Amino acid sequence: MRVMGLDVGSKTVGVAISDELGFTAQGIETIRIDEEKQDFGLDRLDVLCQEYSIEKFVVGLPKNMNNTIGPRGEASQAFARQLEERYSLPVVLWDERMTTMAAERVLLEADVSRKKRKKVIDKMAAVMILQGFLDSQY
């Protein structure tokens, strides 16, 4: 079963896909979105869902450190509801606290330039969200 992991931001959505056995997550791409125009990249997700035969979504839920849900968390919840309505597939909200910072740290340790980090950070965060979910299943 292939699972898609998503790191939803205000300008981009990082996308990761599991292998067919559900053991590992690979970053696929970063989709540009425009919240003001209500363009959430769903047309591109349509293509990716078809291409990879997606059966489940894992959406990163950015919680505050005190476990409350702020505006970005509410946006992720709304995005998850859109996915459920559009695809009629299960959607899991996954606590993503610290994933973007962890992804940044990994890229810094790999000596990736600031310009390149900016291009891949959301995709890397999606990988970490999805891998955390996959690891919890075994």
C-alpha atoms as a PDB file:
ATOM      1  CA  MET A   1       0.000   0.000   0.000  1.00  0.00           C
ATOM      2  CA  ARG A   2       1.459   3.334  -1.027  1.00  0.00           C
ATOM      3  CA  VAL A   3       1.076   6.272   1.349  1.00  0.00           C
ATOM      4  CA  MET A   4       1.605   9.947   0.499  1.00  0.00           C
ATOM      5  CA  GLY A   5       3.092  12.250   3.133  1.00  0.00           C
ATOM      6  CA  LEU A   6       2.414  15.975   2.912  1.00  0.00           C
ATOM      7  CA  ASP A   7       4.038  18.939   4.650  1.00  0.00           C
ATOM      8  CA  VAL A   8       1.535  21.755   4.139  1.00  0.00           C
ATOM      9  CA  GLY A   9       2.887  25.281   4.341  1.00  0.00           C
ATOM     10  CA  SER A  10       1.480  28.667   3.396  1.00  0.00           C
ATOM     11  CA  LYS A  11       3.314  28.757   0.037  1.00  0.00           C
ATOM     12  CA  THR A  12       4.260  25.155  -0.709  1.00  0.00           C
ATOM     13  CA  VAL A  13       3.311  21.550  -0.039  1.00  0.00           C
ATOM     14  CA  GLY A  14       6.165  19.083   0.343  1.00  0.00           C
ATOM     15  CA  VAL A  15       5.328  15.639  -1.049  1.00  0.00           C
ATOM     16  CA  ALA A  16       6.777  12.251  -0.094  1.00  0.00           C
ATOM     17  CA  ILE A  17       5.719   8.760  -1.144  1.00  0.00           C
ATOM     18  CA  SER A  18       6.222   5.439   0.612  1.00  0.00           C
ATOM     19  CA  ASP A  19       7.583   2.378  -1.122  1.00  0.00           C
ATOM     20  CA  GLU A  20       4.960  -0.245  -1.965  1.00  0.00           C
ATOM     21  CA  LEU A  21       5.634  -2.204   1.232  1.00  0.00           C
ATOM     22  CA  GLY A  22       5.299   0.887   3.414  1.00  0.00           C
ATOM     23  CA  PHE A  23       8.791   0.770   4.921  1.00  0.00           C
ATOM     24  CA  THR A  24      10.529   3.850   3.540  1.00  0.00           C
ATOM     25  CA  ALA A  25       9.602   7.372   2.498  1.00  0.00           C
ATOM     26  CA  GLN A  26      11.101   9.164  -0.513  1.00  0.00           C
ATOM     27  CA  GLY A  27      10.735  12.846  -1.305  1.00  0.00           C
ATOM     28  CA  ILE A  28       9.000  13.465  -4.613  1.00  0.00           C
ATOM     29  CA  GLU A  29       8.547  17.198  -5.093  1.00  0.00           C
ATOM     30  CA  THR A  30       7.442  20.514  -3.680  1.00  0.00           C
ATOM     31  CA  ILE A  31       4.205  21.962  -5.034  1.00  0.00           C
ATOM     32  CA  ARG A  32       3.712  25.726  -5.028  1.00  0.00           C
ATOM     33  CA  ILE A  33       0.340  26.825  -3.667  1.00  0.00           C
ATOM     34  CA  ASP A  34      -1.532  30.118  -3.312  1.00  0.00           C
ATOM     35  CA  GLU A  35      -3.817  30.180  -0.272  1.00  0.00           C
ATOM     36  CA  GLU A  36      -5.332  33.550  -1.227  1.00  0.00           C
ATOM     37  CA  LYS A  37      -6.488  32.171  -4.587  1.00  0.00           C
ATOM     38  CA  GLN A  38      -7.613  28.903  -2.958  1.00  0.00           C
ATOM     39  CA  ASP A  39      -5.101  27.003  -5.126  1.00  0.00           C
ATOM     40  CA  PHE A  40      -3.843  24.180  -2.928  1.00  0.00           C
ATOM     41  CA  GLY A  41      -2.068  22.143  -5.598  1.00  0.00           C
ATOM     42  CA  LEU A  42      -4.802  19.524  -5.762  1.00  0.00           C
ATOM     43  CA  ASP A  43      -4.583  19.231  -9.558  1.00  0.00           C
ATOM     44  CA  ARG A  44      -0.936  18.187  -9.229  1.00  0.00           C
ATOM     45  CA  LEU A  45      -1.832  15.830  -6.380  1.00  0.00           C
ATOM     46  CA  ASP A  46      -4.426  14.231  -8.695  1.00  0.00           C
ATOM     47  CA  VAL A  47      -1.619  13.303 -11.086  1.00  0.00           C
ATOM     48  CA  LEU A  48       0.686  12.016  -8.337  1.00  0.00           C
ATOM     49  CA  CYS A  49      -2.081   9.980  -6.674  1.00  0.00           C
ATOM     50  CA  GLN A  50      -2.849   8.311  -9.989  1.00  0.00           C
ATOM     51  CA  GLU A  51       0.803   7.758 -10.875  1.00  0.00           C
ATOM     52  CA  TYR A  52       1.694   6.175  -7.513  1.00  0.00           C
ATOM     53  CA  SER A  53      -1.662   4.481  -6.751  1.00  0.00           C
ATOM     54  CA  ILE A  54      -1.987   6.233  -3.395  1.00  0.00           C
ATOM     55  CA  GLU A  55      -4.211   4.556  -0.806  1.00  0.00           C
ATOM     56  CA  LYS A  56      -3.681   6.819   2.216  1.00  0.00           C
ATOM     57  CA  PHE A  57      -2.467  10.322   3.103  1.00  0.00           C
ATOM     58  CA  VAL A  58      -0.433  11.453   6.091  1.00  0.00           C
ATOM     59  CA  VAL A  59      -0.641  15.207   6.613  1.00  0.00           C
ATOM     60  CA  GLY A  60       1.724  16.957   8.980  1.00  0.00           C
ATOM     61  CA  LEU A  61      -0.107  18.701  11.823  1.00  0.00           C
ATOM     62  CA  PRO A  62       1.986  21.544  13.236  1.00  0.00           C
ATOM     63  CA  LYS A  63       1.089  21.749  16.909  1.00  0.00           C
ATOM     64  CA  ASN A  64       2.371  24.356  19.315  1.00  0.00           C
ATOM     65  CA  MET A  65       4.839  23.119  21.912  1.00  0.00           C
ATOM     66  CA  ASN A  66       2.034  23.214  24.533  1.00  0.00           C
ATOM     67  CA  ASN A  67       0.031  20.796  22.325  1.00  0.00           C
ATOM     68  CA  THR A  68      -2.493  23.393  21.130  1.00  0.00           C
ATOM     69  CA  ILE A  69      -3.451  23.935  17.500  1.00  0.00           C
ATOM     70  CA  GLY A  70      -2.649  27.328  15.985  1.00  0.00           C
ATOM     71  CA  PRO A  71      -3.511  28.890  12.619  1.00  0.00           C
ATOM     72  CA  ARG A  72      -1.098  26.677  10.623  1.00  0.00           C
ATOM     73  CA  GLY A  73      -2.476  23.591  12.327  1.00  0.00           C
ATOM     74  CA  GLU A  74      -6.013  24.678  11.475  1.00  0.00           C
ATOM     75  CA  ALA A  75      -4.922  25.157   7.847  1.00  0.00           C
ATOM     76  CA  SER A  76      -3.492  21.616   7.819  1.00  0.00           C
ATOM     77  CA  GLN A  77      -6.741  20.244   9.251  1.00  0.00           C
ATOM     78  CA  ALA A  78      -8.728  22.067   6.544  1.00  0.00           C
ATOM     79  CA  PHE A  79      -6.363  20.675   3.891  1.00  0.00           C
ATOM     80  CA  ALA A  80      -6.864  17.165   5.295  1.00  0.00           C
ATOM     81  CA  ARG A  81     -10.649  17.580   5.046  1.00  0.00           C
ATOM     82  CA  GLN A  82     -10.264  18.635   1.389  1.00  0.00           C
ATOM     83  CA  LEU A  83      -8.225  15.494   0.705  1.00  0.00           C
ATOM     84  CA  GLU A  84     -10.842  13.259   2.340  1.00  0.00           C
ATOM     85  CA  GLU A  85     -13.631  14.848   0.300  1.00  0.00           C
ATOM     86  CA  ARG A  86     -11.744  14.812  -2.979  1.00  0.00           C
ATOM     87  CA  TYR A  87     -10.196  11.346  -2.852  1.00  0.00           C
ATOM     88  CA  SER A  88     -12.365   9.361  -0.402  1.00  0.00           C
ATOM     89  CA  LEU A  89      -9.155   7.906   1.071  1.00  0.00           C
ATOM     90  CA  PRO A  90      -8.036   7.738   4.708  1.00  0.00           C
ATOM     91  CA  VAL A  91      -6.169  10.817   5.942  1.00  0.00           C
ATOM     92  CA  VAL A  92      -4.012  10.684   9.066  1.00  0.00           C
ATOM     93  CA  LEU A  93      -2.942  13.897  10.798  1.00  0.00           C
ATOM     94  CA  TRP A  94       0.593  13.385  12.129  1.00  0.00           C
ATOM     95  CA  ASP A  95       2.216  15.563  14.790  1.00  0.00           C
ATOM     96  CA  GLU A  96       5.004  17.277  12.905  1.00  0.00           C
ATOM     97  CA  ARG A  97       6.505  19.379  15.662  1.00  0.00           C
ATOM     98  CA  MET A  98      10.178  19.922  14.952  1.00  0.00           C
ATOM     99  CA  THR A  99      10.244  18.186  11.541  1.00  0.00           C
ATOM    100  CA  THR A 100      11.107  21.326   9.588  1.00  0.00           C
ATOM    101  CA  MET A 101      13.852  22.147  12.087  1.00  0.00           C
ATOM    102  CA  ALA A 102      15.125  18.563  11.933  1.00  0.00           C
ATOM    103  CA  ALA A 103      15.100  18.667   8.121  1.00  0.00           C
ATOM    104  CA  GLU A 104      17.010  21.957   8.225  1.00  0.00           C
ATOM    105  CA  ARG A 105      19.584  20.423  10.566  1.00  0.00           C
ATOM    106  CA  VAL A 106      20.085  17.394   8.289  1.00  0.00           C
ATOM    107  CA  LEU A 107      20.599  19.662   5.285  1.00  0.00           C
ATOM    108  CA  LEU A 108      23.008  21.898   7.222  1.00  0.00           C
ATOM    109  CA  GLU A 109      25.036  18.867   8.305  1.00  0.00           C
ATOM    110  CA  ALA A 110      25.136  17.759   4.666  1.00  0.00           C
ATOM    111  CA  ASP A 111      26.526  21.224   3.849  1.00  0.00           C
ATOM    112  CA  VAL A 112      23.684  22.051   1.458  1.00  0.00           C
ATOM    113  CA  SER A 113      23.714  25.723   0.462  1.00  0.00           C
ATOM    114  CA  ARG A 114      20.981  28.057   1.757  1.00  0.00           C
ATOM    115  CA  LYS A 115      19.532  28.447  -1.739  1.00  0.00           C
ATOM    116  CA  LYS A 116      19.297  24.680  -2.275  1.00  0.00           C
ATOM    117  CA  ARG A 117      17.944  24.112   1.260  1.00  0.00           C
ATOM    118  CA  LYS A 118      15.083  26.489   0.564  1.00  0.00           C
ATOM    119  CA  LYS A 119      14.122  24.413  -2.501  1.00  0.00           C
ATOM    120  CA  VAL A 120      14.085  21.036  -0.728  1.00  0.00           C
ATOM    121  CA  ILE A 121      13.212  21.768   2.913  1.00  0.00           C
ATOM    122  CA  ASP A 122       9.461  21.117   2.536  1.00  0.00           C
ATOM    123  CA  LYS A 123      10.035  17.905   0.603  1.00  0.00           C
ATOM    124  CA  MET A 124      12.493  16.760   3.280  1.00  0.00           C
ATOM    125  CA  ALA A 125       9.992  17.627   6.032  1.00  0.00           C
ATOM    126  CA  ALA A 126       7.344  15.560   4.181  1.00  0.00           C
ATOM    127  CA  VAL A 127       9.775  12.628   4.170  1.00  0.00           C
ATOM    128  CA  MET A 128      10.301  12.964   7.927  1.00  0.00           C
ATOM    129  CA  ILE A 129       6.545  13.184   8.582  1.00  0.00           C
ATOM    130  CA  LEU A 130       5.831  10.128   6.449  1.00  0.00           C
ATOM    131  CA  GLN A 131       8.781   8.119   7.801  1.00  0.00           C
ATOM    132  CA  GLY A 132       7.666   8.833  11.376  1.00  0.00           C
ATOM    133  CA  PHE A 133       4.206   7.526  10.534  1.00  0.00           C
ATOM    134  CA  LEU A 134       5.565   4.457   8.710  1.00  0.00           C
ATOM    135  CA  ASP A 135       7.899   3.623  11.609  1.00  0.00           C
ATOM    136  CA  SER A 136       4.968   3.806  14.053  1.00  0.00           C
ATOM    137  CA  GLN A 137       3.137   1.102  12.103  1.00  0.00           C
ATOM    138  CA  TYR A 138       5.694  -1.632  12.927  1.00  0.00           C
END
